[in-house]
Amino acid sequence: MNPRMWFHGLIAAFIGAAAGSVDSGITLMITDPDRFNLGPQLKHSLLVIGILALLAGAKMAAAYLKKAPDPWDASQPDRRQAG
């Protein structure tokens, strides 16, 4: 696998999971509006959403690394050099 494509896949996995965690933050605002809202508790709400995004992104990046662990595997020739 091309290392650049591997890196793009890793970043895409992280961003996709982090973006999905924003839904969880919105759900928190709906289920507990006294503690999580866009008013006085905005800082607290954004902190929780940020932590959720970081954890979800790290988990998905780890799953991607399990699927494609080593882009510099010598047994797989680089496609750019094959042509």
C-alpha atoms as a PDB file:
ATOM      1  CA  MET A   1       0.000   0.000   0.000  1.00  0.00           C
ATOM      2  CA  ASN A   2       1.157   3.480  -0.801  1.00  0.00           C
ATOM      3  CA  PRO A   3       2.174   5.238   2.482  1.00  0.00           C
ATOM      4  CA  ARG A   4       0.398   8.428   1.421  1.00  0.00           C
ATOM      5  CA  MET A   5      -2.879   6.570   0.823  1.00  0.00           C
ATOM      6  CA  TRP A   6      -2.405   4.757   4.135  1.00  0.00           C
ATOM      7  CA  PHE A   7      -1.946   8.060   5.966  1.00  0.00           C
ATOM      8  CA  HIS A   8      -4.996   9.582   4.266  1.00  0.00           C
ATOM      9  CA  GLY A   9      -7.046   6.550   5.329  1.00  0.00           C
ATOM     10  CA  LEU A  10      -5.844   6.907   8.913  1.00  0.00           C
ATOM     11  CA  ILE A  11      -6.752  10.610   9.018  1.00  0.00           C
ATOM     12  CA  ALA A  12     -10.130   9.932   7.361  1.00  0.00           C
ATOM     13  CA  ALA A  13     -10.947   7.281   9.959  1.00  0.00           C
ATOM     14  CA  PHE A  14     -10.125   9.686  12.780  1.00  0.00           C
ATOM     15  CA  ILE A  15     -12.069  12.608  11.300  1.00  0.00           C
ATOM     16  CA  GLY A  16     -15.098  10.470  10.462  1.00  0.00           C
ATOM     17  CA  ALA A  17     -15.392   9.111  13.977  1.00  0.00           C
ATOM     18  CA  ALA A  18     -14.740  12.507  15.556  1.00  0.00           C
ATOM     19  CA  ALA A  19     -17.432  14.119  13.411  1.00  0.00           C
ATOM     20  CA  GLY A  20     -19.868  11.378  14.373  1.00  0.00           C
ATOM     21  CA  SER A  21     -19.293  12.100  18.049  1.00  0.00           C
ATOM     22  CA  VAL A  22     -20.811  15.556  17.596  1.00  0.00           C
ATOM     23  CA  ASP A  23     -24.148  13.730  17.371  1.00  0.00           C
ATOM     24  CA  SER A  24     -23.508  12.396  20.860  1.00  0.00           C
ATOM     25  CA  GLY A  25     -22.885  15.920  22.105  1.00  0.00           C
ATOM     26  CA  ILE A  26     -26.128  17.137  20.597  1.00  0.00           C
ATOM     27  CA  THR A  27     -27.915  14.191  22.195  1.00  0.00           C
ATOM     28  CA  LEU A  28     -26.499  15.238  25.572  1.00  0.00           C
ATOM     29  CA  MET A  29     -27.895  18.730  25.052  1.00  0.00           C
ATOM     30  CA  ILE A  30     -31.322  17.291  24.288  1.00  0.00           C
ATOM     31  CA  THR A  31     -31.427  14.793  27.168  1.00  0.00           C
ATOM     32  CA  ASP A  32     -29.919  17.040  29.870  1.00  0.00           C
ATOM     33  CA  PRO A  33     -30.350  20.676  28.836  1.00  0.00           C
ATOM     34  CA  ASP A  34     -29.655  21.951  32.370  1.00  0.00           C
ATOM     35  CA  ARG A  35     -26.036  20.720  32.299  1.00  0.00           C
ATOM     36  CA  PHE A  36     -25.282  20.714  28.547  1.00  0.00           C
ATOM     37  CA  ASN A  37     -26.469  23.730  26.567  1.00  0.00           C
ATOM     38  CA  LEU A  38     -25.329  26.578  24.355  1.00  0.00           C
ATOM     39  CA  GLY A  39     -25.889  29.162  27.046  1.00  0.00           C
ATOM     40  CA  PRO A  40     -24.022  29.396  30.351  1.00  0.00           C
ATOM     41  CA  GLN A  41     -22.669  25.830  30.122  1.00  0.00           C
ATOM     42  CA  LEU A  42     -21.259  26.225  26.607  1.00  0.00           C
ATOM     43  CA  LYS A  43     -17.675  25.637  27.768  1.00  0.00           C
ATOM     44  CA  HIS A  44     -18.693  22.435  29.567  1.00  0.00           C
ATOM     45  CA  SER A  45     -20.674  21.232  26.548  1.00  0.00           C
ATOM     46  CA  LEU A  46     -17.781  21.874  24.149  1.00  0.00           C
ATOM     47  CA  LEU A  47     -15.348  20.132  26.497  1.00  0.00           C
ATOM     48  CA  VAL A  48     -17.516  17.001  26.572  1.00  0.00           C
ATOM     49  CA  ILE A  49     -17.939  17.051  22.783  1.00  0.00           C
ATOM     50  CA  GLY A  50     -14.174  17.466  22.364  1.00  0.00           C
ATOM     51  CA  ILE A  51     -13.414  14.533  24.651  1.00  0.00           C
ATOM     52  CA  LEU A  52     -15.975  12.375  22.854  1.00  0.00           C
ATOM     53  CA  ALA A  53     -14.452  13.332  19.505  1.00  0.00           C
ATOM     54  CA  LEU A  54     -10.926  12.520  20.666  1.00  0.00           C
ATOM     55  CA  LEU A  55     -11.901   9.140  22.104  1.00  0.00           C
ATOM     56  CA  ALA A  56     -14.012   8.122  19.117  1.00  0.00           C
ATOM     57  CA  GLY A  57     -11.313   9.242  16.687  1.00  0.00           C
ATOM     58  CA  ALA A  58      -8.603   7.343  18.552  1.00  0.00           C
ATOM     59  CA  LYS A  59     -10.737   4.202  18.640  1.00  0.00           C
ATOM     60  CA  MET A  60     -11.425   4.336  14.908  1.00  0.00           C
ATOM     61  CA  ALA A  61      -7.776   5.103  14.117  1.00  0.00           C
ATOM     62  CA  ALA A  62      -6.778   2.034  16.154  1.00  0.00           C
ATOM     63  CA  ALA A  63      -9.278  -0.070  14.197  1.00  0.00           C
ATOM     64  CA  TYR A  64      -7.774   1.237  10.946  1.00  0.00           C
ATOM     65  CA  LEU A  65      -4.274   0.383  12.163  1.00  0.00           C
ATOM     66  CA  LYS A  66      -5.454  -3.146  12.919  1.00  0.00           C
ATOM     67  CA  LYS A  67      -6.752  -3.463   9.356  1.00  0.00           C
ATOM     68  CA  ALA A  68      -3.742  -1.842   7.642  1.00  0.00           C
ATOM     69  CA  PRO A  69      -0.833  -1.909  10.108  1.00  0.00           C
ATOM     70  CA  ASP A  70       2.248  -1.323   7.950  1.00  0.00           C
ATOM     71  CA  PRO A  71       2.294   0.753   4.757  1.00  0.00           C
ATOM     72  CA  TRP A  72       6.027   0.168   4.293  1.00  0.00           C
ATOM     73  CA  ASP A  73       5.755  -3.623   4.032  1.00  0.00           C
ATOM     74  CA  ALA A  74       8.602  -4.765   1.747  1.00  0.00           C
ATOM     75  CA  SER A  75       6.557  -7.670   0.359  1.00  0.00           C
ATOM     76  CA  GLN A  76       4.086  -5.241  -1.254  1.00  0.00           C
ATOM     77  CA  PRO A  77       5.657  -3.216  -4.093  1.00  0.00           C
ATOM     78  CA  ASP A  78       4.780   0.453  -4.384  1.00  0.00           C
ATOM     79  CA  ARG A  79       2.347   0.915  -7.291  1.00  0.00           C
ATOM     80  CA  ARG A  80       4.055   4.103  -8.448  1.00  0.00           C
ATOM     81  CA  GLN A  81       7.273   2.212  -9.139  1.00  0.00           C
ATOM     82  CA  ALA A  82       5.565  -0.780 -10.794  1.00  0.00           C
ATOM     83  CA  GLY A  83       4.670   1.115 -13.995  1.00  0.00           C
END
